[in-house]
Amino acid sequence: MAGSATPATQALVKAKVEHRVHSYDHDPASASYGDEAVDALAGELGVQAAQIFKTLVIKTSDGKLAVAVLPVPEKLSLKAAAAALGSGKAVMADQTEAQRATGYVLGGISPLGQRKKLPTVIDSSATDWDRVLCSAGRRGLEIDLDPSDLVRLTGAVLAPITAG
């Protein structure tokens, strides 16, 4: 797909991972990037909202950044994410710090191809699906791939990290 080359998609090509890239028109006024992706793609691709994952950058109690990847409709349990990463607690990272560390803009942060590879935890529900979608590294661009490839390429741990 023309114009879809990002560090995330390049990482998948380099690793020879089967994937598809889907684009949609991003509304600059949208404040909920994940919901926008669900609204644009779930019906069109015939996937459930829970198959579309968001990437959140957190800061653990030791001051280090990490990544939590979870279904868009769910809320992150910072306590569960911290525990899965071996930390006592975590807070959401500062947006500027998250963008600087990953090399991506907010709303386009991908768990793949980050400037600095951050420790990653993926919600264990990812393995319930044959395919999941996550950001391809740009607002309005999503990657569709096998969740086992996402786990392997990010070096992630799998754990239940949703609240509720």
Protein backbone atom coordinates (compact mmCIF):
# COMPACT_ATOMS: atom_id res chain seq x y z
CA MET A 1 0.00 0.00 0.00
CA ALA A 2 1.48 3.32 -1.05
CA GLY A 3 2.40 5.65 1.77
CA SER A 4 2.13 2.96 4.44
CA ALA A 5 5.84 2.53 5.14
CA THR A 6 6.52 3.28 8.80
CA PRO A 7 9.13 1.86 11.18
CA ALA A 8 6.42 -0.59 12.35
CA THR A 9 5.61 -1.88 8.87
CA GLN A 10 9.29 -1.97 7.96
CA ALA A 11 9.99 -4.11 11.05
CA LEU A 12 7.32 -6.58 9.91
CA VAL A 13 8.69 -6.75 6.37
CA LYS A 14 12.23 -7.22 7.68
CA ALA A 15 11.05 -10.05 9.97
CA LYS A 16 9.07 -11.58 7.05
CA VAL A 17 5.87 -11.52 9.09
CA GLU A 18 2.59 -11.87 7.26
CA HIS A 19 0.50 -8.76 7.83
CA ARG A 20 -1.95 -6.42 6.19
CA VAL A 21 -2.05 -2.64 6.49
CA HIS A 22 -5.43 -0.90 6.64
CA SER A 23 -5.92 2.83 6.38
CA TYR A 24 -8.83 5.06 7.25
CA ASP A 25 -9.44 8.79 7.20
CA HIS A 26 -8.21 10.22 10.49
CA ASP A 27 -10.22 13.14 11.81
CA PRO A 28 -7.78 15.68 13.32
CA ALA A 29 -10.54 16.74 15.74
CA SER A 30 -10.80 13.22 17.17
CA ALA A 31 -9.55 12.88 20.72
CA SER A 32 -10.12 9.13 20.95
CA TYR A 33 -7.81 7.52 18.44
CA GLY A 34 -8.72 3.96 19.39
CA ASP A 35 -12.45 4.54 19.12
CA GLU A 36 -11.88 6.19 15.76
CA ALA A 37 -10.06 3.07 14.51
CA VAL A 38 -12.85 0.81 15.79
CA ASP A 39 -15.54 2.97 14.17
CA ALA A 40 -13.66 3.05 10.86
CA LEU A 41 -12.51 -0.56 10.63
CA ALA A 42 -14.58 -2.99 12.71
CA GLY A 43 -17.55 -3.06 10.34
CA GLU A 44 -15.50 -2.70 7.18
CA LEU A 45 -13.17 -5.60 8.06
CA GLY A 46 -15.70 -7.72 9.93
CA VAL A 47 -13.68 -7.72 13.15
CA GLN A 48 -14.79 -7.21 16.73
CA ALA A 49 -13.83 -4.06 18.62
CA ALA A 50 -11.92 -6.29 21.06
CA GLN A 51 -9.59 -7.35 18.20
CA ILE A 52 -8.38 -3.79 17.74
CA PHE A 53 -5.67 -2.97 20.28
CA LYS A 54 -4.40 0.35 21.56
CA THR A 55 -0.84 1.08 22.62
CA LEU A 56 -0.33 3.02 25.84
CA VAL A 57 3.00 4.17 27.24
CA ILE A 58 3.37 3.93 31.00
CA LYS A 59 6.10 4.77 33.51
CA THR A 60 6.92 2.15 36.11
CA SER A 61 7.91 2.89 39.70
CA ASP A 62 11.60 2.72 38.78
CA GLY A 63 11.06 5.64 36.38
CA LYS A 64 11.38 3.56 33.20
CA LEU A 65 8.95 3.68 30.31
CA ALA A 66 7.08 0.60 29.14
CA VAL A 67 4.26 -0.24 26.76
CA ALA A 68 0.84 -1.74 27.50
CA VAL A 69 -1.18 -3.10 24.57
CA LEU A 70 -4.86 -3.84 25.19
CA PRO A 71 -8.23 -3.93 23.42
CA VAL A 72 -9.58 -0.48 22.58
CA PRO A 73 -12.88 -0.94 24.48
CA GLU A 74 -11.06 -1.83 27.71
CA LYS A 75 -9.44 0.33 30.38
CA LEU A 76 -5.89 -0.34 31.49
CA SER A 77 -5.23 -1.59 35.01
CA LEU A 78 -1.99 0.23 35.79
CA LYS A 79 -1.49 -2.06 38.80
CA ALA A 80 -1.82 -5.22 36.66
CA ALA A 81 0.45 -3.84 33.93
CA ALA A 82 3.09 -2.86 36.50
CA ALA A 83 2.93 -6.29 38.13
CA ALA A 84 3.29 -8.04 34.76
CA LEU A 85 6.42 -5.97 34.12
CA GLY A 86 7.85 -6.72 37.57
CA SER A 87 7.18 -3.29 39.02
CA GLY A 88 5.26 -2.20 42.10
CA LYS A 89 3.18 0.41 40.33
CA ALA A 90 2.88 2.51 37.22
CA VAL A 91 1.41 5.75 35.97
CA MET A 92 0.59 6.95 32.48
CA ALA A 93 3.69 8.42 30.86
CA ASP A 94 3.92 12.06 29.91
CA GLN A 95 2.77 12.44 26.29
CA THR A 96 5.92 14.26 25.16
CA GLU A 97 8.12 11.66 26.82
CA ALA A 98 6.13 8.83 25.19
CA GLN A 99 6.45 10.40 21.75
CA ARG A 100 10.18 11.07 22.19
CA ALA A 101 10.93 7.51 23.34
CA THR A 102 8.85 5.73 20.70
CA GLY A 103 9.42 8.03 17.75
CA TYR A 104 5.68 8.10 17.08
CA VAL A 105 3.01 10.76 17.60
CA LEU A 106 0.21 10.28 20.10
CA GLY A 107 -2.59 8.31 18.45
CA GLY A 108 -0.08 6.63 16.18
CA ILE A 109 2.17 4.91 18.71
CA SER A 110 2.82 1.36 17.56
CA PRO A 111 4.16 -1.44 19.73
CA LEU A 112 6.46 -2.26 16.78
CA GLY A 113 9.40 -0.35 15.33
CA GLN A 114 9.85 2.02 18.24
CA ARG A 115 12.88 4.30 18.35
CA LYS A 116 13.84 2.71 21.66
CA LYS A 117 12.40 -0.78 22.24
CA LEU A 118 10.46 -0.55 25.47
CA PRO A 119 9.43 -3.42 27.76
CA THR A 120 5.98 -4.48 26.62
CA VAL A 121 2.98 -6.25 28.12
CA ILE A 122 0.11 -7.36 25.90
CA ASP A 123 -3.28 -8.20 27.32
CA SER A 124 -3.70 -11.97 27.32
CA SER A 125 -6.99 -11.64 25.43
CA ALA A 126 -4.92 -11.13 22.27
CA THR A 127 -4.46 -14.90 22.09
CA ASP A 128 -8.25 -15.34 21.84
CA TRP A 129 -8.04 -14.14 18.24
CA ASP A 130 -6.46 -15.45 15.02
CA ARG A 131 -5.69 -11.85 14.02
CA VAL A 132 -5.45 -8.58 15.91
CA LEU A 133 -5.01 -5.01 14.76
CA CYS A 134 -2.73 -2.39 16.26
CA SER A 135 -1.33 0.94 15.19
CA ALA A 136 1.00 0.88 12.21
CA GLY A 137 2.80 3.97 13.48
CA ARG A 138 0.63 6.70 12.04
CA ARG A 139 -2.83 8.04 12.84
CA GLY A 140 -5.27 6.40 10.43
CA LEU A 141 -3.07 3.36 9.78
CA GLU A 142 -3.50 -0.07 11.39
CA ILE A 143 -1.61 -3.38 11.07
CA ASP A 144 -3.53 -6.67 10.97
CA LEU A 145 -1.38 -9.60 12.14
CA ASP A 146 -1.24 -12.85 14.09
CA PRO A 147 -1.05 -12.05 17.83
CA SER A 148 1.78 -14.55 18.32
CA ASP A 149 3.88 -12.53 15.86
CA LEU A 150 3.08 -9.33 17.78
CA VAL A 151 4.16 -10.96 21.05
CA ARG A 152 7.34 -12.39 19.53
CA LEU A 153 8.48 -9.20 17.76
CA THR A 154 7.85 -6.96 20.76
CA GLY A 155 9.34 -9.43 23.25
CA ALA A 156 6.17 -8.89 25.26
CA VAL A 157 4.84 -10.71 28.24
CA LEU A 158 1.21 -11.74 28.12
CA ALA A 159 -0.96 -10.93 31.13
CA PRO A 160 -4.48 -9.82 31.98
CA ILE A 161 -4.02 -6.03 32.20
CA THR A 162 -7.54 -4.69 31.82
CA ALA A 163 -9.48 -3.13 34.66
CA GLY A 164 -12.73 -4.83 35.50
